[in-house]
N, C-alpha and C. Protein backbone atom coordinates (compact mmCIF):
# COMPACT_ATOMS: atom_id res chain seq x y z
N UNK A 1 -19.15 54.34 -59.09
CA UNK A 1 -19.74 54.35 -57.79
C UNK A 1 -20.25 52.95 -57.40
N UNK A 2 -20.93 52.31 -58.33
CA UNK A 2 -21.45 50.97 -58.08
C UNK A 2 -20.30 49.97 -57.81
N UNK A 3 -19.21 50.10 -58.53
CA UNK A 3 -18.06 49.21 -58.36
C UNK A 3 -17.43 49.42 -57.00
N UNK A 4 -17.34 50.64 -56.54
CA UNK A 4 -16.77 50.93 -55.23
C UNK A 4 -17.64 50.34 -54.12
N UNK A 5 -18.93 50.46 -54.22
CA UNK A 5 -19.84 49.89 -53.22
C UNK A 5 -19.74 48.37 -53.21
N UNK A 6 -19.65 47.75 -54.39
CA UNK A 6 -19.52 46.29 -54.46
C UNK A 6 -18.20 45.83 -53.85
N UNK A 7 -17.13 46.58 -54.10
CA UNK A 7 -15.82 46.22 -53.55
C UNK A 7 -15.83 46.33 -52.03
N UNK A 8 -16.49 47.35 -51.48
CA UNK A 8 -16.58 47.50 -50.03
C UNK A 8 -17.41 46.38 -49.41
N UNK A 9 -18.47 45.99 -50.05
CA UNK A 9 -19.29 44.88 -49.55
C UNK A 9 -18.49 43.58 -49.55
N UNK A 10 -17.78 43.31 -50.63
CA UNK A 10 -16.96 42.09 -50.73
C UNK A 10 -15.87 42.11 -49.66
N UNK A 11 -15.23 43.25 -49.45
CA UNK A 11 -14.18 43.36 -48.43
C UNK A 11 -14.77 43.16 -47.04
N UNK A 12 -15.95 43.72 -46.78
CA UNK A 12 -16.59 43.54 -45.47
C UNK A 12 -16.94 42.09 -45.21
N UNK A 13 -17.49 41.40 -46.20
CA UNK A 13 -17.83 39.98 -46.04
C UNK A 13 -16.57 39.16 -45.81
N UNK A 14 -15.49 39.46 -46.56
CA UNK A 14 -14.24 38.72 -46.40
C UNK A 14 -13.68 38.91 -44.99
N UNK A 15 -13.71 40.14 -44.47
CA UNK A 15 -13.23 40.38 -43.11
C UNK A 15 -14.12 39.68 -42.07
N UNK A 16 -15.42 39.69 -42.30
CA UNK A 16 -16.34 39.03 -41.37
C UNK A 16 -16.07 37.52 -41.31
N UNK A 17 -15.83 36.92 -42.48
CA UNK A 17 -15.57 35.48 -42.53
C UNK A 17 -14.20 35.15 -41.95
N UNK A 18 -13.21 35.98 -42.19
CA UNK A 18 -11.84 35.70 -41.75
C UNK A 18 -11.58 36.12 -40.31
N UNK A 19 -12.47 36.87 -39.68
CA UNK A 19 -12.26 37.36 -38.32
C UNK A 19 -12.02 36.24 -37.31
N UNK A 20 -12.79 35.16 -37.29
CA UNK A 20 -12.52 34.10 -36.31
C UNK A 20 -11.14 33.47 -36.50
N UNK A 21 -10.68 33.39 -37.70
CA UNK A 21 -9.35 32.81 -37.94
C UNK A 21 -8.26 33.69 -37.35
N UNK A 22 -8.37 34.98 -37.54
CA UNK A 22 -7.37 35.90 -37.02
C UNK A 22 -7.39 35.95 -35.50
N UNK A 23 -8.57 35.96 -34.91
CA UNK A 23 -8.68 35.99 -33.45
C UNK A 23 -8.15 34.69 -32.86
N UNK A 24 -8.42 33.58 -33.53
CA UNK A 24 -7.93 32.29 -33.04
C UNK A 24 -6.42 32.23 -33.01
N UNK A 25 -5.78 32.79 -34.02
CA UNK A 25 -4.32 32.76 -34.05
C UNK A 25 -3.72 33.75 -33.07
N UNK A 26 -4.31 34.93 -32.98
CA UNK A 26 -3.78 35.94 -32.07
C UNK A 26 -4.14 35.60 -30.63
N UNK A 27 -5.35 35.09 -30.43
CA UNK A 27 -5.81 34.80 -29.08
C UNK A 27 -5.23 33.54 -28.48
N UNK A 28 -4.61 32.71 -29.27
CA UNK A 28 -4.05 31.47 -28.74
C UNK A 28 -2.87 31.79 -27.84
N UNK A 29 -2.84 31.15 -26.70
CA UNK A 29 -1.77 31.37 -25.73
C UNK A 29 -0.84 30.18 -25.75
N UNK A 30 0.42 30.44 -25.79
CA UNK A 30 1.40 29.36 -25.77
C UNK A 30 1.42 28.73 -24.38
N UNK A 31 1.48 27.42 -24.33
CA UNK A 31 1.48 26.72 -23.05
C UNK A 31 2.90 26.63 -22.51
N UNK A 32 3.01 26.73 -21.20
CA UNK A 32 4.32 26.62 -20.58
C UNK A 32 4.74 25.17 -20.54
N UNK A 33 6.01 24.95 -20.25
CA UNK A 33 6.51 23.57 -20.21
C UNK A 33 5.85 22.78 -19.09
N UNK A 34 5.54 23.44 -17.96
CA UNK A 34 4.89 22.71 -16.87
C UNK A 34 3.47 22.30 -17.26
N UNK A 35 2.76 23.16 -18.00
CA UNK A 35 1.43 22.79 -18.47
C UNK A 35 1.48 21.63 -19.44
N UNK A 36 2.48 21.61 -20.30
CA UNK A 36 2.64 20.49 -21.23
C UNK A 36 2.96 19.20 -20.49
N UNK A 37 3.80 19.30 -19.45
CA UNK A 37 4.13 18.11 -18.66
C UNK A 37 2.90 17.59 -17.93
N UNK A 38 2.10 18.50 -17.39
CA UNK A 38 0.88 18.09 -16.69
C UNK A 38 -0.06 17.38 -17.66
N UNK A 39 -0.22 17.93 -18.87
CA UNK A 39 -1.08 17.28 -19.86
C UNK A 39 -0.56 15.89 -20.22
N UNK A 40 0.76 15.77 -20.38
CA UNK A 40 1.35 14.47 -20.72
C UNK A 40 1.12 13.45 -19.60
N UNK A 41 1.33 13.88 -18.35
CA UNK A 41 1.12 12.97 -17.23
C UNK A 41 -0.35 12.62 -17.04
N UNK A 42 -1.23 13.57 -17.27
CA UNK A 42 -2.67 13.28 -17.19
C UNK A 42 -3.08 12.27 -18.26
N UNK A 43 -2.51 12.42 -19.44
CA UNK A 43 -2.79 11.45 -20.51
C UNK A 43 -2.26 10.07 -20.13
N UNK A 44 -1.08 10.01 -19.56
CA UNK A 44 -0.49 8.73 -19.13
C UNK A 44 -1.36 8.08 -18.06
N UNK A 45 -1.86 8.88 -17.11
CA UNK A 45 -2.72 8.35 -16.06
C UNK A 45 -4.03 7.82 -16.65
N UNK A 46 -4.59 8.56 -17.59
CA UNK A 46 -5.84 8.13 -18.21
C UNK A 46 -5.65 6.81 -18.97
N UNK A 47 -4.53 6.66 -19.64
CA UNK A 47 -4.26 5.41 -20.35
C UNK A 47 -4.13 4.24 -19.37
N UNK A 48 -3.44 4.48 -18.25
CA UNK A 48 -3.26 3.41 -17.26
C UNK A 48 -4.59 3.03 -16.63
N UNK A 49 -5.43 4.00 -16.34
CA UNK A 49 -6.74 3.72 -15.74
C UNK A 49 -7.62 2.95 -16.72
N UNK A 50 -7.57 3.34 -17.99
CA UNK A 50 -8.34 2.61 -19.01
C UNK A 50 -7.83 1.17 -19.11
N UNK A 51 -6.52 1.00 -19.02
CA UNK A 51 -5.95 -0.35 -19.04
C UNK A 51 -6.41 -1.17 -17.85
N UNK A 52 -6.52 -0.53 -16.68
CA UNK A 52 -7.01 -1.24 -15.49
C UNK A 52 -8.46 -1.67 -15.66
N UNK A 53 -9.26 -0.82 -16.27
CA UNK A 53 -10.67 -1.17 -16.51
C UNK A 53 -10.77 -2.36 -17.46
N UNK A 54 -9.99 -2.32 -18.53
CA UNK A 54 -10.02 -3.42 -19.49
C UNK A 54 -9.47 -4.70 -18.88
N UNK A 55 -8.46 -4.57 -18.03
CA UNK A 55 -7.89 -5.73 -17.36
C UNK A 55 -8.92 -6.39 -16.44
N UNK A 56 -9.65 -5.57 -15.71
CA UNK A 56 -10.69 -6.09 -14.83
C UNK A 56 -11.78 -6.79 -15.64
N UNK A 57 -12.15 -6.20 -16.77
CA UNK A 57 -13.16 -6.81 -17.63
C UNK A 57 -12.67 -8.16 -18.16
N UNK A 58 -11.42 -8.22 -18.61
CA UNK A 58 -10.87 -9.48 -19.12
C UNK A 58 -10.82 -10.54 -18.02
N UNK A 59 -10.54 -10.11 -16.80
CA UNK A 59 -10.50 -11.07 -15.68
C UNK A 59 -11.90 -11.62 -15.41
N UNK A 60 -12.89 -10.74 -15.43
CA UNK A 60 -14.26 -11.18 -15.18
C UNK A 60 -14.77 -12.10 -16.29
N UNK A 61 -14.28 -11.90 -17.50
CA UNK A 61 -14.67 -12.74 -18.62
C UNK A 61 -13.93 -14.08 -18.61
N UNK A 62 -12.93 -14.22 -17.74
CA UNK A 62 -12.19 -15.47 -17.65
C UNK A 62 -11.08 -15.59 -18.66
N UNK A 63 -10.62 -14.48 -19.23
CA UNK A 63 -9.57 -14.53 -20.23
C UNK A 63 -8.17 -14.49 -19.62
N UNK A 64 -8.05 -14.17 -18.34
CA UNK A 64 -6.75 -14.05 -17.69
C UNK A 64 -6.66 -14.98 -16.48
N UNK A 65 -5.48 -15.52 -16.29
CA UNK A 65 -5.25 -16.29 -15.06
C UNK A 65 -4.98 -15.29 -13.93
N UNK A 66 -5.05 -15.77 -12.70
CA UNK A 66 -4.84 -14.88 -11.56
C UNK A 66 -3.42 -14.32 -11.55
N UNK A 67 -2.45 -15.13 -11.92
CA UNK A 67 -1.05 -14.67 -11.93
C UNK A 67 -0.85 -13.56 -12.97
N UNK A 68 -1.43 -13.74 -14.15
CA UNK A 68 -1.32 -12.71 -15.18
C UNK A 68 -2.01 -11.43 -14.75
N UNK A 69 -3.18 -11.58 -14.16
CA UNK A 69 -3.93 -10.41 -13.69
C UNK A 69 -3.13 -9.63 -12.66
N UNK A 70 -2.57 -10.34 -11.68
CA UNK A 70 -1.83 -9.67 -10.61
C UNK A 70 -0.63 -8.91 -11.16
N UNK A 71 0.12 -9.53 -12.07
CA UNK A 71 1.32 -8.86 -12.59
C UNK A 71 0.94 -7.64 -13.43
N UNK A 72 -0.05 -7.77 -14.30
CA UNK A 72 -0.45 -6.63 -15.14
C UNK A 72 -1.13 -5.54 -14.31
N UNK A 73 -1.92 -5.94 -13.31
CA UNK A 73 -2.60 -4.97 -12.45
C UNK A 73 -1.59 -4.14 -11.69
N UNK A 74 -0.56 -4.77 -11.16
CA UNK A 74 0.46 -4.06 -10.40
C UNK A 74 1.20 -3.07 -11.30
N UNK A 75 1.54 -3.48 -12.52
CA UNK A 75 2.27 -2.59 -13.44
C UNK A 75 1.41 -1.39 -13.83
N UNK A 76 0.14 -1.61 -14.14
CA UNK A 76 -0.74 -0.50 -14.53
C UNK A 76 -1.05 0.42 -13.35
N UNK A 77 -1.22 -0.16 -12.19
CA UNK A 77 -1.47 0.65 -11.00
C UNK A 77 -0.27 1.53 -10.68
N UNK A 78 0.94 0.97 -10.77
CA UNK A 78 2.15 1.76 -10.54
C UNK A 78 2.27 2.89 -11.57
N UNK A 79 1.92 2.59 -12.81
CA UNK A 79 1.99 3.59 -13.88
C UNK A 79 1.03 4.75 -13.59
N UNK A 80 -0.18 4.44 -13.17
CA UNK A 80 -1.16 5.49 -12.87
C UNK A 80 -0.74 6.31 -11.66
N UNK A 81 -0.26 5.64 -10.61
CA UNK A 81 0.14 6.35 -9.40
C UNK A 81 1.36 7.23 -9.65
N UNK A 82 2.30 6.77 -10.47
CA UNK A 82 3.47 7.57 -10.80
C UNK A 82 3.07 8.83 -11.56
N UNK A 83 2.17 8.69 -12.50
CA UNK A 83 1.70 9.85 -13.26
C UNK A 83 0.97 10.84 -12.35
N UNK A 84 0.13 10.33 -11.45
CA UNK A 84 -0.60 11.21 -10.54
C UNK A 84 0.36 11.94 -9.60
N UNK A 85 1.39 11.25 -9.11
CA UNK A 85 2.37 11.88 -8.24
C UNK A 85 3.15 12.96 -8.99
N UNK A 86 3.49 12.71 -10.24
CA UNK A 86 4.21 13.70 -11.04
C UNK A 86 3.35 14.95 -11.25
N UNK A 87 2.06 14.78 -11.51
CA UNK A 87 1.17 15.92 -11.69
C UNK A 87 1.09 16.73 -10.40
N UNK A 88 0.95 16.06 -9.28
CA UNK A 88 0.88 16.76 -7.99
C UNK A 88 2.17 17.52 -7.70
N UNK A 89 3.31 16.94 -8.03
CA UNK A 89 4.60 17.60 -7.80
C UNK A 89 4.71 18.85 -8.66
N UNK A 90 4.33 18.75 -9.93
CA UNK A 90 4.40 19.91 -10.83
C UNK A 90 3.47 21.01 -10.35
N UNK A 91 2.26 20.65 -9.94
CA UNK A 91 1.31 21.67 -9.47
C UNK A 91 1.77 22.30 -8.17
N UNK A 92 2.39 21.53 -7.29
CA UNK A 92 2.90 22.08 -6.03
C UNK A 92 4.01 23.08 -6.30
N UNK A 93 4.90 22.75 -7.24
CA UNK A 93 5.98 23.69 -7.59
C UNK A 93 5.41 24.96 -8.21
N UNK A 94 4.40 24.82 -9.06
CA UNK A 94 3.78 25.99 -9.68
C UNK A 94 3.10 26.87 -8.63
N UNK A 95 2.41 26.26 -7.66
CA UNK A 95 1.75 27.01 -6.60
C UNK A 95 2.78 27.73 -5.73
N UNK A 96 3.88 27.06 -5.44
CA UNK A 96 4.94 27.64 -4.62
C UNK A 96 5.55 28.84 -5.34
N UNK A 97 5.78 28.71 -6.65
CA UNK A 97 6.34 29.82 -7.43
C UNK A 97 5.34 30.98 -7.52
N UNK A 98 4.06 30.67 -7.66
CA UNK A 98 3.04 31.72 -7.74
C UNK A 98 2.91 32.45 -6.40
N UNK A 99 3.01 31.73 -5.29
CA UNK A 99 2.92 32.35 -3.98
C UNK A 99 4.13 33.22 -3.69
N UNK A 100 5.28 32.86 -4.22
CA UNK A 100 6.49 33.65 -4.00
C UNK A 100 6.41 34.98 -4.73
N UNK A 101 5.67 35.05 -5.84
CA UNK A 101 5.56 36.26 -6.63
C UNK A 101 4.49 37.22 -6.12
N UNK A 102 3.61 36.76 -5.22
CA UNK A 102 2.53 37.61 -4.73
C UNK A 102 3.09 38.69 -3.81
N UNK A 103 2.50 39.89 -3.86
CA UNK A 103 2.96 40.95 -2.97
C UNK A 103 2.56 40.66 -1.52
N UNK A 104 3.31 41.24 -0.58
CA UNK A 104 3.06 41.02 0.84
C UNK A 104 1.81 41.71 1.32
N UNK A 105 1.46 42.86 0.75
CA UNK A 105 0.29 43.64 1.15
C UNK A 105 -0.82 43.38 0.15
N UNK A 106 -1.99 43.02 0.67
CA UNK A 106 -3.12 42.78 -0.23
C UNK A 106 -3.92 44.05 -0.38
N UNK A 107 -4.32 44.37 -1.59
CA UNK A 107 -5.16 45.55 -1.79
C UNK A 107 -6.50 45.39 -1.09
N UNK A 108 -7.16 46.51 -0.84
CA UNK A 108 -8.42 46.51 -0.12
C UNK A 108 -9.49 45.69 -0.85
N UNK A 109 -9.47 45.69 -2.17
CA UNK A 109 -10.49 44.94 -2.91
C UNK A 109 -10.31 43.44 -2.73
N UNK A 110 -9.08 42.98 -2.53
CA UNK A 110 -8.84 41.55 -2.32
C UNK A 110 -9.02 41.13 -0.87
N UNK A 111 -9.06 42.11 0.03
CA UNK A 111 -9.18 41.80 1.45
C UNK A 111 -10.59 41.34 1.81
N UNK A 112 -11.57 41.66 1.02
CA UNK A 112 -12.95 41.25 1.30
C UNK A 112 -13.03 39.74 1.11
N UNK A 113 -13.51 39.07 2.12
CA UNK A 113 -13.60 37.61 2.08
C UNK A 113 -14.79 37.18 1.25
N UNK A 114 -14.53 36.30 0.35
CA UNK A 114 -15.59 35.70 -0.45
C UNK A 114 -15.66 34.23 -0.07
N UNK A 115 -16.86 33.63 -0.19
CA UNK A 115 -16.93 32.20 0.14
C UNK A 115 -16.04 31.41 -0.83
N UNK A 116 -15.37 30.45 -0.26
CA UNK A 116 -14.47 29.61 -1.07
C UNK A 116 -15.30 28.74 -2.02
N UNK A 117 -14.84 28.59 -3.24
CA UNK A 117 -15.58 27.73 -4.17
C UNK A 117 -15.51 26.27 -3.70
N UNK A 118 -16.52 25.53 -4.08
CA UNK A 118 -16.56 24.12 -3.71
C UNK A 118 -15.36 23.41 -4.33
N UNK A 119 -14.78 22.45 -3.61
CA UNK A 119 -13.63 21.75 -4.18
C UNK A 119 -14.02 21.04 -5.46
N UNK A 120 -13.14 21.11 -6.40
CA UNK A 120 -13.38 20.57 -7.73
C UNK A 120 -12.94 19.12 -7.75
N UNK A 121 -13.79 18.25 -8.24
CA UNK A 121 -13.42 16.84 -8.37
C UNK A 121 -12.75 16.68 -9.72
N UNK A 122 -11.50 16.30 -9.67
CA UNK A 122 -10.72 16.21 -10.90
C UNK A 122 -10.90 14.87 -11.57
N UNK A 123 -10.95 13.82 -10.80
CA UNK A 123 -10.90 12.49 -11.40
C UNK A 123 -12.02 11.62 -10.85
N UNK A 124 -12.96 11.17 -11.68
CA UNK A 124 -14.06 10.34 -11.19
C UNK A 124 -13.70 8.86 -11.14
N UNK A 125 -12.47 8.55 -10.81
CA UNK A 125 -12.02 7.16 -10.81
C UNK A 125 -12.04 6.62 -9.39
N UNK A 126 -12.61 5.43 -9.18
CA UNK A 126 -12.65 4.88 -7.83
C UNK A 126 -11.25 4.54 -7.32
N UNK A 127 -11.13 4.55 -6.01
CA UNK A 127 -9.86 4.20 -5.40
C UNK A 127 -9.64 2.70 -5.51
N UNK A 128 -8.43 2.35 -5.87
CA UNK A 128 -8.10 0.94 -6.01
C UNK A 128 -7.69 0.37 -4.66
N UNK A 129 -8.22 -0.78 -4.32
CA UNK A 129 -7.89 -1.44 -3.08
C UNK A 129 -7.23 -2.77 -3.42
N UNK A 130 -6.06 -2.98 -2.85
CA UNK A 130 -5.32 -4.21 -3.13
C UNK A 130 -5.39 -5.09 -1.88
N UNK A 131 -5.85 -6.30 -2.05
CA UNK A 131 -5.93 -7.26 -0.96
C UNK A 131 -4.80 -8.26 -1.10
N UNK A 132 -4.09 -8.45 -0.01
CA UNK A 132 -3.00 -9.42 -0.02
C UNK A 132 -3.43 -10.64 0.81
N UNK A 133 -3.42 -11.79 0.20
CA UNK A 133 -3.77 -13.01 0.89
C UNK A 133 -2.49 -13.70 1.33
N UNK A 134 -2.52 -14.36 2.48
CA UNK A 134 -1.31 -15.08 2.90
C UNK A 134 -1.04 -16.24 1.94
N UNK A 135 0.23 -16.55 1.74
CA UNK A 135 0.53 -17.65 0.81
C UNK A 135 -0.01 -18.98 1.33
N UNK A 136 -0.51 -19.78 0.43
CA UNK A 136 -1.05 -21.08 0.79
C UNK A 136 0.06 -22.12 0.79
N UNK A 137 -0.01 -23.06 1.70
CA UNK A 137 1.01 -24.11 1.68
C UNK A 137 0.83 -24.98 0.43
N UNK A 138 1.92 -25.41 -0.17
CA UNK A 138 1.79 -26.24 -1.37
C UNK A 138 1.11 -27.56 -1.04
N UNK A 139 0.22 -27.97 -1.95
CA UNK A 139 -0.49 -29.23 -1.77
C UNK A 139 0.09 -30.25 -2.73
N UNK A 140 0.22 -31.44 -2.24
CA UNK A 140 0.76 -32.51 -3.08
C UNK A 140 -0.32 -32.96 -4.06
N UNK A 141 0.00 -32.92 -5.34
CA UNK A 141 -0.94 -33.34 -6.37
C UNK A 141 -0.65 -34.79 -6.73
N UNK A 142 -1.69 -35.61 -6.89
CA UNK A 142 -1.46 -37.00 -7.27
C UNK A 142 -0.85 -37.07 -8.67
N UNK A 143 0.10 -37.95 -8.84
CA UNK A 143 0.78 -38.11 -10.12
C UNK A 143 0.02 -39.12 -10.98
N UNK A 144 -0.88 -38.61 -11.80
CA UNK A 144 -1.62 -39.48 -12.70
C UNK A 144 -1.47 -38.96 -14.11
N UNK A 145 -1.84 -39.76 -15.06
CA UNK A 145 -1.73 -39.38 -16.46
C UNK A 145 -2.72 -38.28 -16.78
N UNK A 146 -3.91 -38.31 -16.16
CA UNK A 146 -4.94 -37.31 -16.46
C UNK A 146 -4.50 -35.92 -16.01
N UNK A 147 -3.89 -35.80 -14.81
CA UNK A 147 -3.46 -34.49 -14.35
C UNK A 147 -2.24 -34.02 -15.12
N UNK A 148 -1.42 -34.90 -15.59
CA UNK A 148 -0.24 -34.49 -16.36
C UNK A 148 -0.68 -33.82 -17.66
N UNK A 149 -1.79 -34.28 -18.24
CA UNK A 149 -2.25 -33.67 -19.48
C UNK A 149 -2.82 -32.27 -19.23
N UNK A 150 -3.28 -31.98 -17.97
CA UNK A 150 -3.82 -30.66 -17.65
C UNK A 150 -2.72 -29.66 -17.33
N UNK A 151 -1.51 -30.10 -17.02
CA UNK A 151 -0.45 -29.19 -16.63
C UNK A 151 0.00 -28.34 -17.80
N UNK A 152 0.05 -28.88 -18.97
CA UNK A 152 0.45 -28.14 -20.14
C UNK A 152 -0.70 -28.19 -21.13
N UNK A 153 -1.13 -27.00 -21.56
CA UNK A 153 -2.19 -26.99 -22.55
C UNK A 153 -1.77 -26.08 -23.69
N UNK A 154 -2.28 -26.39 -24.85
CA UNK A 154 -1.98 -25.63 -26.05
C UNK A 154 -3.29 -25.25 -26.72
N UNK A 155 -3.26 -24.14 -27.41
CA UNK A 155 -4.44 -23.68 -28.13
C UNK A 155 -4.69 -24.60 -29.32
N UNK A 156 -5.90 -25.12 -29.47
CA UNK A 156 -6.17 -26.00 -30.60
C UNK A 156 -6.19 -25.24 -31.94
N UNK A 157 -6.33 -23.92 -31.89
CA UNK A 157 -6.40 -23.13 -33.12
C UNK A 157 -5.02 -22.71 -33.62
N UNK A 158 -4.23 -22.05 -32.72
CA UNK A 158 -2.95 -21.50 -33.17
C UNK A 158 -1.74 -22.23 -32.60
N UNK A 159 -1.94 -23.11 -31.62
CA UNK A 159 -0.85 -23.89 -31.06
C UNK A 159 -0.03 -23.17 -30.00
N UNK A 160 -0.47 -21.99 -29.55
CA UNK A 160 0.24 -21.24 -28.53
C UNK A 160 0.08 -21.93 -27.19
N UNK A 161 1.17 -21.96 -26.41
CA UNK A 161 1.13 -22.56 -25.08
C UNK A 161 0.26 -21.68 -24.18
N UNK A 162 -0.62 -22.29 -23.41
CA UNK A 162 -1.55 -21.56 -22.56
C UNK A 162 -1.24 -21.84 -21.10
N UNK A 163 -1.69 -20.96 -20.21
CA UNK A 163 -1.53 -21.14 -18.78
C UNK A 163 -2.34 -22.35 -18.32
N UNK A 164 -2.01 -22.83 -17.13
CA UNK A 164 -2.65 -24.04 -16.62
C UNK A 164 -4.16 -23.86 -16.47
N UNK A 165 -4.56 -22.72 -15.93
CA UNK A 165 -5.99 -22.51 -15.69
C UNK A 165 -6.63 -21.57 -16.70
N UNK A 166 -6.00 -21.37 -17.85
CA UNK A 166 -6.53 -20.46 -18.86
C UNK A 166 -7.78 -21.05 -19.51
N UNK A 167 -8.76 -20.21 -19.71
CA UNK A 167 -10.00 -20.62 -20.37
C UNK A 167 -10.00 -20.19 -21.83
N UNK A 168 -9.18 -19.16 -22.14
CA UNK A 168 -9.09 -18.64 -23.49
C UNK A 168 -7.63 -18.48 -23.88
N UNK A 169 -7.35 -18.58 -25.16
CA UNK A 169 -5.99 -18.41 -25.67
C UNK A 169 -5.61 -16.94 -25.63
N UNK A 170 -4.42 -16.64 -25.14
CA UNK A 170 -3.95 -15.26 -25.07
C UNK A 170 -3.60 -14.73 -26.46
N UNK A 171 -3.30 -15.59 -27.40
CA UNK A 171 -2.91 -15.17 -28.74
C UNK A 171 -4.11 -14.89 -29.64
N UNK A 172 -5.00 -15.89 -29.77
CA UNK A 172 -6.10 -15.74 -30.73
C UNK A 172 -7.47 -15.58 -30.06
N UNK A 173 -7.60 -15.87 -28.76
CA UNK A 173 -8.84 -15.64 -28.03
C UNK A 173 -9.85 -16.77 -28.08
N UNK A 174 -9.51 -17.89 -28.69
CA UNK A 174 -10.45 -19.01 -28.79
C UNK A 174 -10.52 -19.74 -27.44
N UNK A 175 -11.66 -20.35 -27.14
CA UNK A 175 -11.83 -21.09 -25.90
C UNK A 175 -10.95 -22.34 -25.92
N UNK A 176 -10.26 -22.56 -24.79
CA UNK A 176 -9.39 -23.73 -24.67
C UNK A 176 -10.11 -24.77 -23.85
N UNK A 177 -10.24 -25.96 -24.38
CA UNK A 177 -10.89 -27.06 -23.68
C UNK A 177 -9.81 -27.97 -23.11
N UNK A 178 -10.00 -28.51 -21.93
CA UNK A 178 -8.98 -29.39 -21.34
C UNK A 178 -8.77 -30.64 -22.21
N UNK A 179 -7.51 -31.02 -22.34
CA UNK A 179 -7.15 -32.17 -23.16
C UNK A 179 -7.62 -33.47 -22.53
N UNK A 180 -7.71 -33.53 -21.18
CA UNK A 180 -8.11 -34.77 -20.51
C UNK A 180 -9.51 -35.18 -20.93
N UNK A 181 -10.42 -34.24 -21.04
CA UNK A 181 -11.78 -34.55 -21.47
C UNK A 181 -11.81 -35.04 -22.90
N UNK A 182 -10.96 -34.45 -23.73
CA UNK A 182 -10.92 -34.87 -25.13
C UNK A 182 -10.37 -36.29 -25.25
N UNK A 183 -9.38 -36.63 -24.44
CA UNK A 183 -8.80 -37.99 -24.46
C UNK A 183 -9.82 -38.98 -23.95
N UNK A 184 -10.55 -38.61 -22.88
CA UNK A 184 -11.54 -39.52 -22.30
C UNK A 184 -12.66 -39.80 -23.30
N UNK A 185 -13.07 -38.80 -24.08
CA UNK A 185 -14.13 -39.00 -25.05
C UNK A 185 -13.69 -39.88 -26.21
N UNK A 186 -12.44 -39.77 -26.60
CA UNK A 186 -11.98 -40.55 -27.75
C UNK A 186 -11.77 -42.02 -27.41
N UNK A 187 -11.63 -42.35 -26.13
CA UNK A 187 -11.38 -43.75 -25.75
C UNK A 187 -12.62 -44.55 -25.59
C-alpha cells in the first residue's frame, strides 16, 4: 500500500513538472510562409535602421567624409524602404485574402458597433528627410606644394589611403593628421 501511494505521488509530480513542456509543444502553432516572410523583412528593416543610426553617429564623430556618408546613407535607406514596402505588400495580400473568405451576411452579434481600437504604432523610427543641395561650381585651387600634400593622405598607423577630408582612418580608426603640418614642423 505504501509503495503504491509513493508511486502515485512520484507520477503526479512528474506530470506536474512535464506539463508545461507538453503544452508548449502541442500549443505551438506553425507559422505560415507569409508570416515568416514578414518576420524576415521586419528583421531586414531593423538592421537597416540600426545601420542608419550608426552611420549618423559616425558622421557626427567625424569618422566619415560627406561622400562616404551620402553613398552609405542612400544604400541603407533604400534597404529599409524596400523591406517596409515588402511587408506592406504581404500584409495587403493577406488582408485581401481574409476579406474574400468572410461571409456576405454578418451575424447579429457582429453587427453591434464597437469603438475602433486606437491605431497601433508599429515602428518608433523617425521619418528620414533627404535634402538635396544644388551642385557647387568647381573652384580653382592654387597649385602649391602644401596643397598637393593634402590631396593624398595615408594613415600613419596602417598605411591605408584615406579620403581627402578624413579625420580618422577607415581601416584602423586612428586620427589622421595632415601631412602639411608635419612637414612644416620638421623644417
